[in-house]
């Protein structure tokens, strides 16, 4: 499973690589990291059908995760990638906006990696 992680905090890459070390080593999961919404769209434009799942932070400078979600859901239909939004703020407004834009799930920071792994097993 190829997963695109979008977050402006670069230390997220190290965190995911540590928490999913076994899955990466066993080729069960492959992670691609984009550090802005714009970078994520650039990647998706060149690799449209590769990312099965996109994990995106909501609050980023430039293009927000919600704007990115809108672009993804409008453009990528066959097959549509699953999009999980991640935020440090578990507020109802962001949750409702993400759901209206087509988010498949919603996670809060700090990410509960045990729960995330369980969700990913259900997708795979």
N, C-alpha and C. Protein backbone atom coordinates (compact mmCIF):
# COMPACT_ATOMS: atom_id res chain seq x y z
N UNK A 1 0.85 -1.17 0.00
CA UNK A 1 0.00 0.00 0.00
C UNK A 1 0.89 1.24 0.00
N UNK A 2 0.64 2.15 -0.93
CA UNK A 2 1.40 3.39 -1.01
C UNK A 2 0.61 4.49 -0.32
N UNK A 3 1.26 5.18 0.62
CA UNK A 3 0.61 6.21 1.42
C UNK A 3 1.36 7.53 1.25
N UNK A 4 0.62 8.57 0.90
CA UNK A 4 1.18 9.91 0.78
C UNK A 4 0.86 10.65 2.08
N UNK A 5 1.90 11.08 2.79
CA UNK A 5 1.73 11.84 4.03
C UNK A 5 2.06 13.29 3.71
N UNK A 6 1.12 14.19 4.01
CA UNK A 6 1.29 15.61 3.72
C UNK A 6 1.27 16.38 5.03
N UNK A 7 2.40 16.98 5.37
CA UNK A 7 2.51 17.74 6.61
C UNK A 7 3.68 18.70 6.49
N UNK A 8 3.50 19.93 6.93
CA UNK A 8 4.58 20.91 6.84
C UNK A 8 5.67 20.68 7.89
N UNK A 9 5.41 19.85 8.88
CA UNK A 9 6.41 19.53 9.89
C UNK A 9 7.26 18.36 9.39
N UNK A 10 8.51 18.63 9.07
CA UNK A 10 9.38 17.62 8.47
C UNK A 10 9.69 16.45 9.39
N UNK A 11 9.59 16.64 10.72
CA UNK A 11 9.87 15.54 11.65
C UNK A 11 8.82 14.44 11.59
N UNK A 12 7.70 14.71 10.93
CA UNK A 12 6.67 13.70 10.74
C UNK A 12 7.23 12.51 9.95
N UNK A 13 8.11 12.78 9.00
CA UNK A 13 8.69 11.70 8.20
C UNK A 13 9.44 10.71 9.08
N UNK A 14 10.28 11.20 9.97
CA UNK A 14 11.05 10.33 10.86
C UNK A 14 10.10 9.54 11.76
N UNK A 15 9.08 10.20 12.26
CA UNK A 15 8.11 9.55 13.14
C UNK A 15 7.40 8.40 12.44
N UNK A 16 6.91 8.63 11.22
CA UNK A 16 6.23 7.58 10.47
C UNK A 16 7.19 6.45 10.12
N UNK A 17 8.40 6.79 9.73
CA UNK A 17 9.38 5.75 9.37
C UNK A 17 9.75 4.90 10.58
N UNK A 18 9.77 5.49 11.77
CA UNK A 18 10.05 4.71 12.98
C UNK A 18 8.86 3.82 13.35
N UNK A 19 7.67 4.40 13.33
CA UNK A 19 6.47 3.68 13.76
C UNK A 19 6.05 2.57 12.80
N UNK A 20 6.42 2.70 11.54
CA UNK A 20 6.05 1.71 10.52
C UNK A 20 7.28 0.99 9.98
N UNK A 21 8.34 0.94 10.76
CA UNK A 21 9.60 0.33 10.33
C UNK A 21 9.39 -1.10 9.82
N UNK A 22 8.65 -1.91 10.58
CA UNK A 22 8.42 -3.31 10.20
C UNK A 22 7.63 -3.41 8.90
N UNK A 23 6.57 -2.62 8.77
CA UNK A 23 5.72 -2.66 7.58
C UNK A 23 6.49 -2.19 6.34
N UNK A 24 7.36 -1.20 6.52
CA UNK A 24 8.17 -0.70 5.41
C UNK A 24 9.19 -1.77 5.00
N UNK A 25 9.84 -2.37 5.99
CA UNK A 25 10.85 -3.40 5.72
C UNK A 25 10.24 -4.59 4.98
N UNK A 26 9.00 -4.95 5.36
CA UNK A 26 8.32 -6.09 4.75
C UNK A 26 7.60 -5.72 3.45
N UNK A 27 7.80 -4.50 2.96
CA UNK A 27 7.14 -4.00 1.75
C UNK A 27 5.63 -4.05 1.81
N UNK A 28 5.07 -3.97 3.01
CA UNK A 28 3.62 -3.92 3.17
C UNK A 28 3.11 -2.51 2.92
N UNK A 29 3.95 -1.52 3.25
CA UNK A 29 3.57 -0.12 3.07
C UNK A 29 4.76 0.66 2.55
N UNK A 30 4.44 1.63 1.72
CA UNK A 30 5.46 2.55 1.22
C UNK A 30 4.94 3.96 1.49
N UNK A 31 5.78 4.78 2.08
CA UNK A 31 5.38 6.15 2.40
C UNK A 31 6.10 7.13 1.49
N UNK A 32 5.35 8.11 1.02
CA UNK A 32 5.88 9.23 0.28
C UNK A 32 5.51 10.45 1.11
N UNK A 33 6.41 11.40 1.22
CA UNK A 33 6.17 12.57 2.06
C UNK A 33 6.18 13.83 1.22
N UNK A 34 5.17 14.67 1.43
CA UNK A 34 5.09 15.99 0.82
C UNK A 34 4.96 16.98 1.98
N UNK A 35 5.68 18.09 1.90
CA UNK A 35 5.72 19.02 3.01
C UNK A 35 4.87 20.27 2.78
N UNK A 36 3.99 20.19 1.79
CA UNK A 36 3.01 21.25 1.55
C UNK A 36 1.90 20.68 0.66
N UNK A 37 0.76 21.37 0.66
CA UNK A 37 -0.32 20.96 -0.21
C UNK A 37 0.09 21.04 -1.67
N UNK A 38 0.86 22.07 -2.00
CA UNK A 38 1.32 22.24 -3.38
C UNK A 38 2.22 21.07 -3.80
N UNK A 39 3.14 20.66 -2.90
CA UNK A 39 4.01 19.52 -3.20
C UNK A 39 3.20 18.24 -3.40
N UNK A 40 2.15 18.08 -2.59
CA UNK A 40 1.31 16.89 -2.71
C UNK A 40 0.62 16.85 -4.07
N UNK A 41 0.09 17.98 -4.52
CA UNK A 41 -0.57 18.02 -5.84
C UNK A 41 0.43 17.75 -6.96
N UNK A 42 1.64 18.28 -6.82
CA UNK A 42 2.67 18.02 -7.82
C UNK A 42 2.95 16.52 -7.89
N UNK A 43 3.08 15.87 -6.73
CA UNK A 43 3.32 14.43 -6.71
C UNK A 43 2.14 13.70 -7.35
N UNK A 44 0.92 14.03 -6.95
CA UNK A 44 -0.26 13.34 -7.46
C UNK A 44 -0.42 13.53 -8.97
N UNK A 45 -0.05 14.70 -9.47
CA UNK A 45 -0.16 14.93 -10.92
C UNK A 45 0.76 14.01 -11.70
N UNK A 46 1.88 13.62 -11.12
CA UNK A 46 2.81 12.73 -11.81
C UNK A 46 2.63 11.26 -11.48
N UNK A 47 1.86 10.97 -10.43
CA UNK A 47 1.68 9.59 -9.95
C UNK A 47 0.23 9.36 -9.56
N UNK A 48 -0.66 9.70 -10.45
CA UNK A 48 -2.09 9.76 -10.13
C UNK A 48 -2.66 8.52 -9.48
N UNK A 49 -2.33 7.35 -9.97
CA UNK A 49 -2.98 6.13 -9.47
C UNK A 49 -2.14 5.38 -8.47
N UNK A 50 -1.07 5.99 -7.97
CA UNK A 50 -0.18 5.26 -7.06
C UNK A 50 -0.61 5.34 -5.61
N UNK A 51 -1.00 6.50 -5.13
CA UNK A 51 -1.34 6.66 -3.71
C UNK A 51 -2.73 6.10 -3.45
N UNK A 52 -2.78 5.11 -2.57
CA UNK A 52 -4.05 4.51 -2.20
C UNK A 52 -4.68 5.31 -1.07
N UNK A 53 -3.82 5.87 -0.23
CA UNK A 53 -4.26 6.61 0.94
C UNK A 53 -3.45 7.89 1.06
N UNK A 54 -4.12 8.96 1.42
CA UNK A 54 -3.45 10.24 1.67
C UNK A 54 -3.77 10.64 3.10
N UNK A 55 -2.72 10.87 3.88
CA UNK A 55 -2.87 11.39 5.24
C UNK A 55 -2.41 12.84 5.19
N UNK A 56 -3.30 13.78 5.44
CA UNK A 56 -2.95 15.20 5.29
C UNK A 56 -3.25 15.99 6.54
N UNK A 57 -2.26 16.77 6.95
CA UNK A 57 -2.45 17.75 8.01
C UNK A 57 -3.44 18.80 7.50
N UNK A 58 -4.21 19.38 8.37
CA UNK A 58 -5.15 20.42 7.96
C UNK A 58 -4.47 21.78 7.94
N UNK A 59 -3.77 22.10 9.02
CA UNK A 59 -3.20 23.43 9.18
C UNK A 59 -1.77 23.49 8.65
N UNK A 60 -1.63 24.02 7.44
CA UNK A 60 -0.31 24.18 6.82
C UNK A 60 -0.26 25.57 6.18
N UNK A 61 0.95 26.16 6.11
CA UNK A 61 1.06 27.43 5.40
C UNK A 61 0.82 27.22 3.90
N UNK A 62 0.40 28.27 3.23
CA UNK A 62 0.09 28.11 1.80
C UNK A 62 -1.24 27.39 1.68
N UNK A 63 -1.27 26.35 0.87
CA UNK A 63 -2.49 25.57 0.68
C UNK A 63 -2.78 24.73 1.94
N UNK A 64 -3.93 24.93 2.54
CA UNK A 64 -4.29 24.15 3.72
C UNK A 64 -4.66 22.72 3.31
N UNK A 65 -4.69 21.85 4.28
CA UNK A 65 -5.10 20.47 4.02
C UNK A 65 -6.53 20.38 3.50
N UNK A 66 -7.39 21.30 3.97
CA UNK A 66 -8.77 21.30 3.49
C UNK A 66 -8.84 21.71 2.02
N UNK A 67 -8.02 22.68 1.62
CA UNK A 67 -7.96 23.06 0.20
C UNK A 67 -7.43 21.90 -0.63
N UNK A 68 -6.39 21.24 -0.12
CA UNK A 68 -5.83 20.07 -0.81
C UNK A 68 -6.91 18.99 -0.96
N UNK A 69 -7.65 18.73 0.09
CA UNK A 69 -8.72 17.74 0.06
C UNK A 69 -9.72 18.07 -1.04
N UNK A 70 -10.11 19.34 -1.13
CA UNK A 70 -11.04 19.76 -2.19
C UNK A 70 -10.51 19.47 -3.57
N UNK A 71 -9.23 19.78 -3.80
CA UNK A 71 -8.60 19.50 -5.11
C UNK A 71 -8.58 18.00 -5.40
N UNK A 72 -8.22 17.21 -4.39
CA UNK A 72 -8.12 15.75 -4.59
C UNK A 72 -9.48 15.16 -4.94
N UNK A 73 -10.49 15.54 -4.19
CA UNK A 73 -11.82 14.95 -4.41
C UNK A 73 -12.45 15.42 -5.72
N UNK A 74 -12.05 16.60 -6.21
CA UNK A 74 -12.58 17.08 -7.49
C UNK A 74 -11.88 16.42 -8.68
N UNK A 75 -10.58 16.15 -8.54
CA UNK A 75 -9.80 15.72 -9.70
C UNK A 75 -9.59 14.22 -9.81
N UNK A 76 -9.36 13.55 -8.70
CA UNK A 76 -8.94 12.14 -8.74
C UNK A 76 -10.12 11.23 -8.42
N UNK A 77 -10.69 10.62 -9.47
CA UNK A 77 -11.89 9.82 -9.31
C UNK A 77 -11.66 8.33 -9.50
N UNK A 78 -10.77 7.92 -10.36
CA UNK A 78 -10.64 6.51 -10.74
C UNK A 78 -9.22 6.01 -10.51
N UNK A 79 -8.96 5.22 -9.51
CA UNK A 79 -9.80 5.06 -8.32
C UNK A 79 -9.57 6.24 -7.40
N UNK A 80 -10.57 6.62 -6.63
CA UNK A 80 -10.36 7.76 -5.73
C UNK A 80 -9.50 7.33 -4.54
N UNK A 81 -8.48 8.11 -4.20
CA UNK A 81 -7.69 7.75 -3.02
C UNK A 81 -8.49 8.02 -1.75
N UNK A 82 -8.26 7.23 -0.73
CA UNK A 82 -8.87 7.49 0.57
C UNK A 82 -8.07 8.62 1.21
N UNK A 83 -8.76 9.58 1.82
CA UNK A 83 -8.08 10.71 2.44
C UNK A 83 -8.46 10.80 3.91
N UNK A 84 -7.43 10.76 4.77
CA UNK A 84 -7.61 10.96 6.20
C UNK A 84 -6.98 12.29 6.57
N UNK A 85 -7.74 13.13 7.24
CA UNK A 85 -7.24 14.44 7.65
C UNK A 85 -6.69 14.35 9.07
N UNK A 86 -5.57 15.05 9.29
CA UNK A 86 -4.91 15.05 10.60
C UNK A 86 -4.80 16.49 11.08
N UNK A 87 -5.17 16.73 12.34
CA UNK A 87 -5.07 18.08 12.88
C UNK A 87 -4.74 18.04 14.37
N UNK A 88 -4.11 19.10 14.82
CA UNK A 88 -3.83 19.25 16.24
C UNK A 88 -5.07 19.77 16.96
N UNK A 89 -6.02 20.24 16.18
CA UNK A 89 -7.22 20.81 16.76
C UNK A 89 -8.41 19.93 16.42
N UNK A 90 -8.97 19.29 17.41
CA UNK A 90 -10.11 18.40 17.16
C UNK A 90 -11.42 19.15 17.19
N UNK A 91 -11.45 20.34 16.59
CA UNK A 91 -12.65 21.16 16.66
C UNK A 91 -13.71 20.72 15.66
N UNK A 92 -14.94 20.99 16.01
CA UNK A 92 -16.08 20.56 15.18
C UNK A 92 -16.07 21.22 13.81
N UNK A 93 -15.64 22.47 13.72
CA UNK A 93 -15.67 23.18 12.43
C UNK A 93 -14.78 22.49 11.40
N UNK A 94 -13.52 22.19 11.78
CA UNK A 94 -12.62 21.50 10.86
C UNK A 94 -13.15 20.11 10.52
N UNK A 95 -13.67 19.41 11.51
CA UNK A 95 -14.23 18.08 11.28
C UNK A 95 -15.37 18.14 10.28
N UNK A 96 -16.30 19.06 10.49
CA UNK A 96 -17.46 19.17 9.60
C UNK A 96 -17.05 19.59 8.19
N UNK A 97 -16.11 20.54 8.09
CA UNK A 97 -15.65 20.98 6.77
C UNK A 97 -14.97 19.82 6.05
N UNK A 98 -14.12 19.08 6.76
CA UNK A 98 -13.43 17.94 6.15
C UNK A 98 -14.43 16.89 5.67
N UNK A 99 -15.43 16.61 6.45
CA UNK A 99 -16.45 15.63 6.05
C UNK A 99 -17.23 16.11 4.83
N UNK A 100 -17.59 17.41 4.82
CA UNK A 100 -18.32 17.97 3.68
C UNK A 100 -17.51 17.90 2.39
N UNK A 101 -16.18 18.04 2.52
CA UNK A 101 -15.30 18.00 1.35
C UNK A 101 -14.98 16.57 0.91
N UNK A 102 -15.42 15.59 1.70
CA UNK A 102 -15.23 14.20 1.28
C UNK A 102 -14.15 13.44 2.02
N UNK A 103 -13.69 13.95 3.16
CA UNK A 103 -12.68 13.21 3.94
C UNK A 103 -13.25 11.86 4.36
N UNK A 104 -12.41 10.85 4.27
CA UNK A 104 -12.84 9.50 4.64
C UNK A 104 -12.68 9.23 6.13
N UNK A 105 -11.78 9.98 6.77
CA UNK A 105 -11.56 9.81 8.20
C UNK A 105 -10.88 11.04 8.75
N UNK A 106 -10.78 11.13 10.06
CA UNK A 106 -10.27 12.32 10.72
C UNK A 106 -9.47 11.88 11.93
N UNK A 107 -8.19 12.28 11.99
CA UNK A 107 -7.32 11.91 13.11
C UNK A 107 -6.83 13.18 13.80
N UNK A 108 -6.57 13.07 15.11
CA UNK A 108 -6.03 14.21 15.83
C UNK A 108 -4.58 13.93 16.23
N UNK A 109 -3.81 15.02 16.33
CA UNK A 109 -2.43 14.92 16.78
C UNK A 109 -2.42 15.01 18.30
N UNK A 110 -1.53 14.33 18.98
CA UNK A 110 -0.57 13.41 18.40
C UNK A 110 -1.27 12.17 17.86
N UNK A 111 -0.80 11.69 16.72
CA UNK A 111 -1.43 10.54 16.07
C UNK A 111 -1.27 9.29 16.94
N UNK A 112 -2.38 8.60 17.14
CA UNK A 112 -2.36 7.31 17.84
C UNK A 112 -2.00 6.27 16.78
N UNK A 113 -0.71 5.89 16.74
CA UNK A 113 -0.24 5.00 15.68
C UNK A 113 -0.82 3.59 15.79
N UNK A 114 -1.16 3.15 16.99
CA UNK A 114 -1.79 1.84 17.14
C UNK A 114 -3.16 1.85 16.46
N UNK A 115 -3.93 2.89 16.71
CA UNK A 115 -5.25 3.01 16.08
C UNK A 115 -5.12 3.19 14.57
N UNK A 116 -4.13 3.98 14.14
CA UNK A 116 -3.92 4.18 12.71
C UNK A 116 -3.57 2.87 12.02
N UNK A 117 -2.71 2.06 12.64
CA UNK A 117 -2.35 0.77 12.05
C UNK A 117 -3.57 -0.13 11.91
N UNK A 118 -4.46 -0.10 12.88
CA UNK A 118 -5.70 -0.89 12.80
C UNK A 118 -6.57 -0.43 11.64
N UNK A 119 -6.67 0.88 11.46
CA UNK A 119 -7.46 1.42 10.33
C UNK A 119 -6.85 1.02 9.01
N UNK A 120 -5.52 1.05 8.93
CA UNK A 120 -4.84 0.70 7.69
C UNK A 120 -5.00 -0.78 7.36
N UNK A 121 -5.07 -1.63 8.37
CA UNK A 121 -5.30 -3.05 8.13
C UNK A 121 -6.67 -3.28 7.49
N UNK A 122 -7.64 -2.48 7.89
CA UNK A 122 -9.00 -2.63 7.32
C UNK A 122 -9.04 -2.19 5.86
N UNK A 123 -8.20 -1.23 5.49
CA UNK A 123 -8.15 -0.75 4.11
C UNK A 123 -7.46 -1.75 3.22
N UNK A 124 -6.35 -2.28 3.71
CA UNK A 124 -5.47 -3.12 2.91
C UNK A 124 -6.07 -4.44 2.53
